[in-house]
Amino acid sequence: CLIPLGVYMRTARAAAAATAAAAAAATLYSARPRHAASAADDDVRAAVQLREAALRARAVLSDPPQMLQRCARSAWRQHAGVTAMDELARRQAALSDSLASAANSWKERQGVRPAELRSLTEAVSDTEAAVRGARASAVRAAAAVPWGEVLGSSRLEPATGSAAADAPGAERLRGRVVGLYFTASWCGPCRRFTPKLVQLYEAAARASPPDGLELVLVSWDEIGDERREYARQAGMRWLALPHSREARALADELTLRYDVTSIPALVVVEVSADGSSARVLSRDGRMDVERGHAPWMSRVLG
């Protein structure tokens, strides 16, 4: 079975405290004036290295680790599996011990031994590798879940407003080319790219049959009103996942499934006629649109 969530969270909280202590100590010491003596310079360099290691450690000891925070509400732990999660927990515990040891040394001696610093740096690298491994395992497993099970009976809504009682469900996407547009109102590159996507959508609507291209906004905004205002300003006349708790979890699940790590991102899929599966046509739809050509674009533009 997976590691109990309570145990995992307690470990993460304890490790975060050790990280903060080591980072604070290193920051204070590195701010001191440099001395001419080489030994003192070595201490300053060690303090800088300690701070850098502590900051890297904070990213992998947070819950979830920074690399997985954009899919925090997904089932990433279950997807990652027992082996990957056990390895991650083991590496995090070892890193927490190394951080605590470094923080204690700093408190007692205002410095850390070179061997201790090397051990800490290695522990950080090992934990980073474990996080990457857990994410890779989670992505593979999430991608293996049938499309129909992921979307289920999910309801969609107009990107510019709230869902009506007769809002379309996932069945609206059956048999269509669907672009999943991962974006957010606070993202500058998104705001520069969105007008190009709007132009493509409008051109496809004029050229394609009614069951041609459909876009679904998968927002990284945390506030629904900000997403809706962004959509109104940009002229997005397509669909979106709502901002309900269930839909936010679905947005994170899709982020994990398609391994989206930055926005704007456009993943283009072809949904089967019965809605049970979806074949990926492009994982880099953004660049397809920027370049102005791709097989799927030729298809929807006629």
C-alpha atoms as a PDB file:
ATOM      1  CA  CYS A   1       0.000   0.000   0.000  1.00  0.00           C
ATOM      2  CA  LEU A   2       1.027   3.639  -0.301  1.00  0.00           C
ATOM      3  CA  ILE A   3       2.665   5.533   2.533  1.00  0.00           C
ATOM      4  CA  PRO A   4      -0.038   6.861   4.902  1.00  0.00           C
ATOM      5  CA  LEU A   5      -0.704  10.472   4.008  1.00  0.00           C
ATOM      6  CA  GLY A   6      -0.391  11.606   7.644  1.00  0.00           C
ATOM      7  CA  VAL A   7       3.074  10.109   7.963  1.00  0.00           C
ATOM      8  CA  TYR A   8       4.166  11.664   4.675  1.00  0.00           C
ATOM      9  CA  MET A   9       2.919  15.101   5.716  1.00  0.00           C
ATOM     10  CA  ARG A  10       4.568  14.939   9.145  1.00  0.00           C
ATOM     11  CA  THR A  11       7.875  14.053   7.513  1.00  0.00           C
ATOM     12  CA  ALA A  12       7.520  16.932   5.062  1.00  0.00           C
ATOM     13  CA  ARG A  13       6.717  19.435   7.821  1.00  0.00           C
ATOM     14  CA  ALA A  14       9.698  18.357   9.910  1.00  0.00           C
ATOM     15  CA  ALA A  15      11.997  18.509   6.902  1.00  0.00           C
ATOM     16  CA  ALA A  16      10.698  21.957   5.949  1.00  0.00           C
ATOM     17  CA  ALA A  17      11.588  23.234   9.418  1.00  0.00           C
ATOM     18  CA  ALA A  18      15.134  21.903   9.067  1.00  0.00           C
ATOM     19  CA  THR A  19      15.371  23.464   5.608  1.00  0.00           C
ATOM     20  CA  ALA A  20      14.310  26.838   6.931  1.00  0.00           C
ATOM     21  CA  ALA A  21      16.866  26.681   9.753  1.00  0.00           C
ATOM     22  CA  ALA A  22      19.735  25.810   7.414  1.00  0.00           C
ATOM     23  CA  ALA A  23      18.722  28.437   4.852  1.00  0.00           C
ATOM     24  CA  ALA A  24      18.414  31.162   7.482  1.00  0.00           C
ATOM     25  CA  ALA A  25      21.798  30.351   9.011  1.00  0.00           C
ATOM     26  CA  ALA A  26      23.525  30.316   5.634  1.00  0.00           C
ATOM     27  CA  THR A  27      21.860  33.554   4.570  1.00  0.00           C
ATOM     28  CA  LEU A  28      22.965  35.355   7.721  1.00  0.00           C
ATOM     29  CA  TYR A  29      26.530  34.166   7.474  1.00  0.00           C
ATOM     30  CA  SER A  30      26.934  34.843   3.748  1.00  0.00           C
ATOM     31  CA  ALA A  31      25.869  38.439   4.405  1.00  0.00           C
ATOM     32  CA  ARG A  32      28.863  39.004   6.695  1.00  0.00           C
ATOM     33  CA  PRO A  33      31.780  41.009   5.258  1.00  0.00           C
ATOM     34  CA  ARG A  34      34.441  38.933   3.615  1.00  0.00           C
ATOM     35  CA  HIS A  35      37.793  38.598   5.353  1.00  0.00           C
ATOM     36  CA  ALA A  36      41.132  38.468   3.660  1.00  0.00           C
ATOM     37  CA  ALA A  37      42.055  35.125   5.161  1.00  0.00           C
ATOM     38  CA  SER A  38      41.500  32.213   2.812  1.00  0.00           C
ATOM     39  CA  ALA A  39      39.974  30.154   5.609  1.00  0.00           C
ATOM     40  CA  ALA A  40      37.333  32.813   6.124  1.00  0.00           C
ATOM     41  CA  ASP A  41      36.706  32.921   2.376  1.00  0.00           C
ATOM     42  CA  ASP A  42      36.279  29.158   2.424  1.00  0.00           C
ATOM     43  CA  ASP A  43      33.694  29.567   5.185  1.00  0.00           C
ATOM     44  CA  VAL A  44      31.796  32.110   3.118  1.00  0.00           C
ATOM     45  CA  ARG A  45      31.810  29.813   0.111  1.00  0.00           C
ATOM     46  CA  ALA A  46      30.591  26.950   2.281  1.00  0.00           C
ATOM     47  CA  ALA A  47      27.816  29.149   3.636  1.00  0.00           C
ATOM     48  CA  VAL A  48      26.697  30.051   0.115  1.00  0.00           C
ATOM     49  CA  GLN A  49      26.696  26.383  -0.876  1.00  0.00           C
ATOM     50  CA  LEU A  50      24.693  25.551   2.231  1.00  0.00           C
ATOM     51  CA  ARG A  51      22.097  28.161   1.367  1.00  0.00           C
ATOM     52  CA  GLU A  52      21.810  26.908  -2.209  1.00  0.00           C
ATOM     53  CA  ALA A  53      21.424  23.326  -1.010  1.00  0.00           C
ATOM     54  CA  ALA A  54      18.788  24.369   1.499  1.00  0.00           C
ATOM     55  CA  LEU A  55      16.777  26.224  -1.145  1.00  0.00           C
ATOM     56  CA  ARG A  56      16.927  23.223  -3.475  1.00  0.00           C
ATOM     57  CA  ALA A  57      15.882  21.003  -0.592  1.00  0.00           C
ATOM     58  CA  ARG A  58      12.877  23.169   0.152  1.00  0.00           C
ATOM     59  CA  ALA A  59      11.577  22.495  -3.373  1.00  0.00           C
ATOM     60  CA  VAL A  60      11.700  18.707  -2.949  1.00  0.00           C
ATOM     61  CA  LEU A  61      10.548  18.565   0.671  1.00  0.00           C
ATOM     62  CA  SER A  62       7.417  20.654   0.232  1.00  0.00           C
ATOM     63  CA  ASP A  63       4.142  18.762   0.094  1.00  0.00           C
ATOM     64  CA  PRO A  64       3.760  18.074  -2.726  1.00  0.00           C
ATOM     65  CA  PRO A  65       7.249  18.687  -4.100  1.00  0.00           C
ATOM     66  CA  GLN A  66       7.486  21.810  -6.230  1.00  0.00           C
ATOM     67  CA  MET A  67       7.680  19.772  -9.436  1.00  0.00           C
ATOM     68  CA  LEU A  68       4.236  18.328  -8.657  1.00  0.00           C
ATOM     69  CA  GLN A  69       2.468  21.347  -7.202  1.00  0.00           C
ATOM     70  CA  ARG A  70       0.560  22.109 -10.403  1.00  0.00           C
ATOM     71  CA  CYS A  71      -1.063  18.687 -10.184  1.00  0.00           C
ATOM     72  CA  ALA A  72      -1.445  18.624  -6.396  1.00  0.00           C
ATOM     73  CA  ARG A  73      -5.169  17.821  -6.548  1.00  0.00           C
ATOM     74  CA  SER A  74      -4.642  14.913  -8.930  1.00  0.00           C
ATOM     75  CA  ALA A  75      -4.157  11.325  -7.806  1.00  0.00           C
ATOM     76  CA  TRP A  76      -0.408  11.666  -8.378  1.00  0.00           C
ATOM     77  CA  ARG A  77       0.573   9.595  -5.331  1.00  0.00           C
ATOM     78  CA  GLN A  78      -1.579   6.676  -6.428  1.00  0.00           C
ATOM     79  CA  HIS A  79      -0.376   7.050 -10.009  1.00  0.00           C
ATOM     80  CA  ALA A  80       3.283   7.139  -8.941  1.00  0.00           C
ATOM     81  CA  GLY A  81       2.920   3.763  -7.248  1.00  0.00           C
ATOM     82  CA  VAL A  82       4.377   2.084  -4.190  1.00  0.00           C
ATOM     83  CA  THR A  83       7.960   1.719  -5.428  1.00  0.00           C
ATOM     84  CA  ALA A  84       8.397   5.338  -6.495  1.00  0.00           C
ATOM     85  CA  MET A  85       6.677   6.704  -3.389  1.00  0.00           C
ATOM     86  CA  ASP A  86       8.743   4.510  -1.075  1.00  0.00           C
ATOM     87  CA  GLU A  87      11.919   5.720  -2.768  1.00  0.00           C
ATOM     88  CA  LEU A  88      10.797   9.334  -2.499  1.00  0.00           C
ATOM     89  CA  ALA A  89       9.939   8.995   1.192  1.00  0.00           C
ATOM     90  CA  ARG A  90      13.279   7.322   1.903  1.00  0.00           C
ATOM     91  CA  ARG A  91      15.246  10.031   0.115  1.00  0.00           C
ATOM     92  CA  GLN A  92      13.250  12.794   1.783  1.00  0.00           C
ATOM     93  CA  ALA A  93      13.895  11.311   5.219  1.00  0.00           C
ATOM     94  CA  ALA A  94      17.621  11.067   4.531  1.00  0.00           C
ATOM     95  CA  LEU A  95      17.681  14.654   3.275  1.00  0.00           C
ATOM     96  CA  SER A  96      15.805  15.831   6.332  1.00  0.00           C
ATOM     97  CA  ASP A  97      18.430  14.185   8.547  1.00  0.00           C
ATOM     98  CA  SER A  98      21.250  15.809   6.573  1.00  0.00           C
ATOM     99  CA  LEU A  99      19.614  19.207   6.848  1.00  0.00           C
ATOM    100  CA  ALA A 100      19.056  18.845  10.566  1.00  0.00           C
ATOM    101  CA  SER A 101      22.697  17.837  11.046  1.00  0.00           C
ATOM    102  CA  ALA A 102      23.915  20.834   9.011  1.00  0.00           C
ATOM    103  CA  ALA A 103      21.643  23.212  10.925  1.00  0.00           C
ATOM    104  CA  ASN A 104      22.898  21.880  14.266  1.00  0.00           C
ATOM    105  CA  SER A 105      26.509  22.204  13.171  1.00  0.00           C
ATOM    106  CA  TRP A 106      25.902  25.764  12.138  1.00  0.00           C
ATOM    107  CA  LYS A 107      24.273  26.557  15.445  1.00  0.00           C
ATOM    108  CA  GLU A 108      27.122  25.054  17.435  1.00  0.00           C
ATOM    109  CA  ARG A 109      30.151  26.051  15.353  1.00  0.00           C
ATOM    110  CA  GLN A 110      28.933  28.729  12.913  1.00  0.00           C
ATOM    111  CA  GLY A 111      30.079  26.453  10.120  1.00  0.00           C
ATOM    112  CA  VAL A 112      29.766  23.001   8.563  1.00  0.00           C
ATOM    113  CA  ARG A 113      32.445  20.458   7.793  1.00  0.00           C
ATOM    114  CA  PRO A 114      33.228  19.861   4.100  1.00  0.00           C
ATOM    115  CA  ALA A 115      32.178  16.216   4.403  1.00  0.00           C
ATOM    116  CA  GLU A 116      28.894  17.282   5.941  1.00  0.00           C
ATOM    117  CA  LEU A 117      28.268  19.751   3.144  1.00  0.00           C
ATOM    118  CA  ARG A 118      29.046  17.105   0.509  1.00  0.00           C
ATOM    119  CA  SER A 119      26.658  14.692   2.190  1.00  0.00           C
ATOM    120  CA  LEU A 120      23.916  17.313   2.181  1.00  0.00           C
ATOM    121  CA  THR A 121      24.475  18.180  -1.482  1.00  0.00           C
ATOM    122  CA  GLU A 122      24.358  14.513  -2.455  1.00  0.00           C
ATOM    123  CA  ALA A 123      21.176  14.014  -0.441  1.00  0.00           C
ATOM    124  CA  VAL A 124      19.548  16.926  -2.261  1.00  0.00           C
ATOM    125  CA  SER A 125      20.530  15.507  -5.667  1.00  0.00           C
ATOM    126  CA  ASP A 126      19.258  12.051  -4.707  1.00  0.00           C
ATOM    127  CA  THR A 127      15.923  13.484  -3.581  1.00  0.00           C
ATOM    128  CA  GLU A 128      15.571  15.558  -6.749  1.00  0.00           C
ATOM    129  CA  ALA A 129      16.100  12.379  -8.757  1.00  0.00           C
ATOM    130  CA  ALA A 130      13.458  10.613  -6.655  1.00  0.00           C
ATOM    131  CA  VAL A 131      10.961  13.424  -7.301  1.00  0.00           C
ATOM    132  CA  ARG A 132      11.624  13.238 -11.037  1.00  0.00           C
ATOM    133  CA  GLY A 133      11.152   9.481 -10.888  1.00  0.00           C
ATOM    134  CA  ALA A 134       7.874   9.795  -8.987  1.00  0.00           C
ATOM    135  CA  ARG A 135       6.571  12.353 -11.465  1.00  0.00           C
ATOM    136  CA  ALA A 136       7.587  10.237 -14.459  1.00  0.00           C
ATOM    137  CA  SER A 137       5.846   7.184 -12.976  1.00  0.00           C
ATOM    138  CA  ALA A 138       2.749   9.248 -12.194  1.00  0.00           C
ATOM    139  CA  VAL A 139       2.610  10.681 -15.725  1.00  0.00           C
ATOM    140  CA  ARG A 140       2.856   7.225 -17.300  1.00  0.00           C
ATOM    141  CA  ALA A 141       0.112   5.809 -15.105  1.00  0.00           C
ATOM    142  CA  ALA A 142      -2.158   8.837 -15.527  1.00  0.00           C
ATOM    143  CA  ALA A 143      -1.763   8.670 -19.310  1.00  0.00           C
ATOM    144  CA  ALA A 144      -2.790   5.008 -19.255  1.00  0.00           C
ATOM    145  CA  VAL A 145      -6.210   5.745 -17.734  1.00  0.00           C
ATOM    146  CA  PRO A 146      -8.858   5.671 -20.500  1.00  0.00           C
ATOM    147  CA  TRP A 147     -10.097   9.087 -21.573  1.00  0.00           C
ATOM    148  CA  GLY A 148     -13.661   8.115 -20.817  1.00  0.00           C
ATOM    149  CA  GLU A 149     -12.780   7.343 -17.212  1.00  0.00           C
ATOM    150  CA  VAL A 150     -10.909  10.611 -16.776  1.00  0.00           C
ATOM    151  CA  LEU A 151     -13.658  12.827 -18.201  1.00  0.00           C
ATOM    152  CA  GLY A 152     -16.541  10.624 -17.094  1.00  0.00           C
ATOM    153  CA  SER A 153     -19.731  12.663 -16.906  1.00  0.00           C
ATOM    154  CA  SER A 154     -17.878  15.934 -16.355  1.00  0.00           C
ATOM    155  CA  ARG A 155     -19.834  19.063 -17.171  1.00  0.00           C
ATOM    156  CA  LEU A 156     -18.325  21.891 -19.148  1.00  0.00           C
ATOM    157  CA  GLU A 157     -19.216  25.565 -19.267  1.00  0.00           C
ATOM    158  CA  PRO A 158     -18.649  28.540 -21.560  1.00  0.00           C
ATOM    159  CA  ALA A 159     -15.184  29.931 -20.905  1.00  0.00           C
ATOM    160  CA  THR A 160     -16.671  33.390 -20.428  1.00  0.00           C
ATOM    161  CA  GLY A 161     -19.404  32.529 -17.946  1.00  0.00           C
ATOM    162  CA  SER A 162     -20.996  30.108 -15.522  1.00  0.00           C
ATOM    163  CA  ALA A 163     -22.499  26.821 -16.586  1.00  0.00           C
ATOM    164  CA  ALA A 164     -26.206  26.788 -17.374  1.00  0.00           C
ATOM    165  CA  ALA A 165     -28.555  24.011 -16.408  1.00  0.00           C
ATOM    166  CA  ASP A 166     -28.218  22.582 -19.906  1.00  0.00           C
ATOM    167  CA  ALA A 167     -24.404  22.954 -19.994  1.00  0.00           C
ATOM    168  CA  PRO A 168     -22.715  20.470 -22.307  1.00  0.00           C
ATOM    169  CA  GLY A 169     -20.995  17.461 -20.878  1.00  0.00           C
ATOM    170  CA  ALA A 170     -17.971  15.513 -22.029  1.00  0.00           C
ATOM    171  CA  GLU A 171     -20.174  13.885 -24.678  1.00  0.00           C
ATOM    172  CA  ARG A 172     -19.924  17.188 -26.602  1.00  0.00           C
ATOM    173  CA  LEU A 173     -16.315  16.237 -27.382  1.00  0.00           C
ATOM    174  CA  ARG A 174     -17.026  12.825 -28.897  1.00  0.00           C
ATOM    175  CA  GLY A 175     -15.705  12.294 -32.389  1.00  0.00           C
ATOM    176  CA  ARG A 176     -14.001  15.687 -32.454  1.00  0.00           C
ATOM    177  CA  VAL A 177     -10.531  17.170 -32.596  1.00  0.00           C
ATOM    178  CA  VAL A 178     -10.137  18.755 -29.166  1.00  0.00           C
ATOM    179  CA  GLY A 179      -7.528  21.242 -28.039  1.00  0.00           C
ATOM    180  CA  LEU A 180      -6.899  21.316 -24.303  1.00  0.00           C
ATOM    181  CA  TYR A 181      -5.666  24.840 -23.642  1.00  0.00           C
ATOM    182  CA  PHE A 182      -3.690  25.155 -20.400  1.00  0.00           C
ATOM    183  CA  THR A 183      -3.487  28.845 -19.533  1.00  0.00           C
ATOM    184  CA  ALA A 184      -4.059  31.471 -16.819  1.00  0.00           C
ATOM    185  CA  SER A 185      -4.982  35.131 -16.600  1.00  0.00           C
ATOM    186  CA  TRP A 186      -1.737  36.016 -14.811  1.00  0.00           C
ATOM    187  CA  CYS A 187       0.472  34.486 -17.522  1.00  0.00           C
ATOM    188  CA  GLY A 188       2.010  37.088 -19.842  1.00  0.00           C
ATOM    189  CA  PRO A 189       3.035  34.624 -22.585  1.00  0.00           C
ATOM    190  CA  CYS A 190      -0.513  33.217 -22.473  1.00  0.00           C
ATOM    191  CA  ARG A 191      -2.031  36.623 -23.131  1.00  0.00           C
ATOM    192  CA  ARG A 192       0.275  37.070 -26.110  1.00  0.00           C
ATOM    193  CA  PHE A 193      -0.535  33.636 -27.541  1.00  0.00           C
ATOM    194  CA  THR A 194      -4.292  33.537 -26.897  1.00  0.00           C
ATOM    195  CA  PRO A 195      -5.268  35.948 -29.727  1.00  0.00           C
ATOM    196  CA  LYS A 196      -3.592  33.602 -32.226  1.00  0.00           C
ATOM    197  CA  LEU A 197      -5.585  30.697 -30.848  1.00  0.00           C
ATOM    198  CA  VAL A 198      -8.796  32.730 -31.016  1.00  0.00           C
ATOM    199  CA  GLN A 199      -8.089  33.458 -34.696  1.00  0.00           C
ATOM    200  CA  LEU A 200      -7.547  29.747 -35.384  1.00  0.00           C
ATOM    201  CA  TYR A 201     -10.739  28.785 -33.566  1.00  0.00           C
ATOM    202  CA  GLU A 202     -12.825  31.329 -35.465  1.00  0.00           C
ATOM    203  CA  ALA A 203     -11.307  30.271 -38.796  1.00  0.00           C
ATOM    204  CA  ALA A 204     -11.960  26.606 -37.982  1.00  0.00           C
ATOM    205  CA  ALA A 205     -15.559  27.399 -37.021  1.00  0.00           C
ATOM    206  CA  ARG A 206     -16.113  28.963 -40.451  1.00  0.00           C
ATOM    207  CA  ALA A 207     -14.336  26.226 -42.390  1.00  0.00           C
ATOM    208  CA  SER A 208     -15.083  23.025 -40.490  1.00  0.00           C
ATOM    209  CA  PRO A 209     -18.246  21.017 -40.144  1.00  0.00           C
ATOM    210  CA  PRO A 210     -20.092  21.500 -36.841  1.00  0.00           C
ATOM    211  CA  ASP A 211     -18.248  18.547 -35.314  1.00  0.00           C
ATOM    212  CA  GLY A 212     -14.777  19.878 -36.182  1.00  0.00           C
ATOM    213  CA  LEU A 213     -12.473  21.638 -33.731  1.00  0.00           C
ATOM    214  CA  GLU A 214     -13.439  22.185 -30.096  1.00  0.00           C
ATOM    215  CA  LEU A 215     -11.283  23.876 -27.474  1.00  0.00           C
ATOM    216  CA  VAL A 216     -11.471  23.331 -23.739  1.00  0.00           C
ATOM    217  CA  LEU A 217      -9.907  25.832 -21.371  1.00  0.00           C
ATOM    218  CA  VAL A 218      -7.970  24.101 -18.588  1.00  0.00           C
ATOM    219  CA  SER A 219      -7.259  27.050 -16.348  1.00  0.00           C
ATOM    220  CA  TRP A 220      -4.426  27.376 -13.849  1.00  0.00           C
ATOM    221  CA  ASP A 221      -6.252  30.304 -12.251  1.00  0.00           C
ATOM    222  CA  GLU A 222      -7.368  29.683  -8.698  1.00  0.00           C
ATOM    223  CA  ILE A 223     -10.242  32.188  -8.877  1.00  0.00           C
ATOM    224  CA  GLY A 224     -13.056  31.531 -11.309  1.00  0.00           C
ATOM    225  CA  ASP A 225     -13.924  35.197 -11.859  1.00  0.00           C
ATOM    226  CA  GLU A 226     -10.364  35.930 -12.985  1.00  0.00           C
ATOM    227  CA  ARG A 227     -10.556  33.138 -15.539  1.00  0.00           C
ATOM    228  CA  ARG A 228     -13.929  34.293 -16.829  1.00  0.00           C
ATOM    229  CA  GLU A 229     -12.779  37.916 -17.163  1.00  0.00           C
ATOM    230  CA  TYR A 230      -9.640  36.773 -18.979  1.00  0.00           C
ATOM    231  CA  ALA A 231     -11.787  34.705 -21.355  1.00  0.00           C
ATOM    232  CA  ARG A 232     -14.153  37.645 -22.011  1.00  0.00           C
ATOM    233  CA  GLN A 233     -11.293  40.042 -22.703  1.00  0.00           C
ATOM    234  CA  ALA A 234      -9.649  37.578 -25.100  1.00  0.00           C
ATOM    235  CA  GLY A 235     -12.867  36.617 -26.889  1.00  0.00           C
ATOM    236  CA  MET A 236     -12.723  32.908 -26.058  1.00  0.00           C
ATOM    237  CA  ARG A 237     -15.959  31.480 -27.464  1.00  0.00           C
ATOM    238  CA  TRP A 238     -15.163  27.930 -26.465  1.00  0.00           C
ATOM    239  CA  LEU A 239     -15.666  25.637 -23.491  1.00  0.00           C
ATOM    240  CA  ALA A 240     -13.916  25.398 -20.126  1.00  0.00           C
ATOM    241  CA  LEU A 241     -13.708  23.200 -17.092  1.00  0.00           C
ATOM    242  CA  PRO A 242     -15.734  24.809 -14.292  1.00  0.00           C
ATOM    243  CA  HIS A 243     -14.120  26.014 -11.071  1.00  0.00           C
ATOM    244  CA  SER A 244     -15.836  23.497  -8.816  1.00  0.00           C
ATOM    245  CA  ARG A 245     -13.731  21.346  -6.505  1.00  0.00           C
ATOM    246  CA  GLU A 246     -14.200  18.314  -8.732  1.00  0.00           C
ATOM    247  CA  ALA A 247     -13.304  20.237 -11.875  1.00  0.00           C
ATOM    248  CA  ARG A 248     -10.184  21.714 -10.274  1.00  0.00           C
ATOM    249  CA  ALA A 249      -9.065  18.178  -9.468  1.00  0.00           C
ATOM    250  CA  LEU A 250      -9.763  17.221 -13.093  1.00  0.00           C
ATOM    251  CA  ALA A 251      -7.667  20.165 -14.321  1.00  0.00           C
ATOM    252  CA  ASP A 252      -4.763  18.917 -12.202  1.00  0.00           C
ATOM    253  CA  GLU A 253      -5.310  15.380 -13.470  1.00  0.00           C
ATOM    254  CA  LEU A 254      -5.119  16.565 -17.082  1.00  0.00           C
ATOM    255  CA  THR A 255      -2.022  18.608 -16.253  1.00  0.00           C
ATOM    256  CA  LEU A 256      -0.382  15.436 -14.959  1.00  0.00           C
ATOM    257  CA  ARG A 257      -1.737  13.182 -17.719  1.00  0.00           C
ATOM    258  CA  TYR A 258      -0.200  15.317 -20.454  1.00  0.00           C
ATOM    259  CA  ASP A 259       2.903  16.239 -18.440  1.00  0.00           C
ATOM    260  CA  VAL A 260       2.276  19.974 -18.694  1.00  0.00           C
ATOM    261  CA  THR A 261       4.992  21.855 -16.819  1.00  0.00           C
ATOM    262  CA  SER A 262       4.539  25.381 -18.167  1.00  0.00           C
ATOM    263  CA  ILE A 263       1.935  27.536 -19.851  1.00  0.00           C
ATOM    264  CA  PRO A 264       0.660  28.368 -22.359  1.00  0.00           C
ATOM    265  CA  ALA A 265       0.333  24.785 -23.520  1.00  0.00           C
ATOM    266  CA  LEU A 266      -2.017  23.313 -26.122  1.00  0.00           C
ATOM    267  CA  VAL A 267      -2.481  19.544 -26.267  1.00  0.00           C
ATOM    268  CA  VAL A 268      -4.509  18.378 -29.261  1.00  0.00           C
ATOM    269  CA  VAL A 269      -6.334  15.063 -29.149  1.00  0.00           C
ATOM    270  CA  GLU A 270      -8.843  13.198 -31.293  1.00  0.00           C
ATOM    271  CA  VAL A 271     -11.686  11.815 -29.196  1.00  0.00           C
ATOM    272  CA  SER A 272     -13.248   8.572 -30.345  1.00  0.00           C
ATOM    273  CA  ALA A 273     -16.857   8.510 -31.492  1.00  0.00           C
ATOM    274  CA  ASP A 274     -17.962   6.753 -28.311  1.00  0.00           C
ATOM    275  CA  GLY A 275     -15.866   9.017 -26.060  1.00  0.00           C
ATOM    276  CA  SER A 276     -13.928   6.152 -24.528  1.00  0.00           C
ATOM    277  CA  SER A 277     -10.474   7.102 -25.803  1.00  0.00           C
ATOM    278  CA  ALA A 278      -8.500  10.064 -27.106  1.00  0.00           C
ATOM    279  CA  ARG A 279      -5.517   9.827 -29.432  1.00  0.00           C
ATOM    280  CA  VAL A 280      -2.882  12.531 -29.045  1.00  0.00           C
ATOM    281  CA  LEU A 281      -2.375  14.466 -32.288  1.00  0.00           C
ATOM    282  CA  SER A 282       0.055  17.031 -30.896  1.00  0.00           C
ATOM    283  CA  ARG A 283       1.637  17.719 -27.531  1.00  0.00           C
ATOM    284  CA  ASP A 284       2.994  21.038 -28.766  1.00  0.00           C
ATOM    285  CA  GLY A 285      -0.059  22.621 -30.281  1.00  0.00           C
ATOM    286  CA  ARG A 286       1.179  26.040 -29.231  1.00  0.00           C
ATOM    287  CA  MET A 287       4.150  25.831 -31.587  1.00  0.00           C
ATOM    288  CA  ASP A 288       1.906  24.381 -34.295  1.00  0.00           C
ATOM    289  CA  VAL A 289      -0.255  27.488 -34.061  1.00  0.00           C
ATOM    290  CA  GLU A 290       2.774  29.788 -33.892  1.00  0.00           C
ATOM    291  CA  ARG A 291       4.190  28.188 -37.057  1.00  0.00           C
ATOM    292  CA  GLY A 292       0.802  28.242 -38.751  1.00  0.00           C
ATOM    293  CA  HIS A 293       0.759  24.658 -39.964  1.00  0.00           C
ATOM    294  CA  ALA A 294       0.340  21.105 -38.674  1.00  0.00           C
ATOM    295  CA  PRO A 295      -1.605  18.074 -39.939  1.00  0.00           C
ATOM    296  CA  TRP A 296      -4.366  18.568 -37.370  1.00  0.00           C
ATOM    297  CA  MET A 297      -4.685  22.236 -38.337  1.00  0.00           C
ATOM    298  CA  SER A 298      -5.069  21.350 -42.015  1.00  0.00           C
ATOM    299  CA  ARG A 299      -7.792  18.939 -40.996  1.00  0.00           C
ATOM    300  CA  VAL A 300      -9.896  21.451 -39.012  1.00  0.00           C
ATOM    301  CA  LEU A 301      -9.314  24.334 -41.417  1.00  0.00           C
ATOM    302  CA  GLY A 302     -10.365  22.272 -44.445  1.00  0.00           C
END
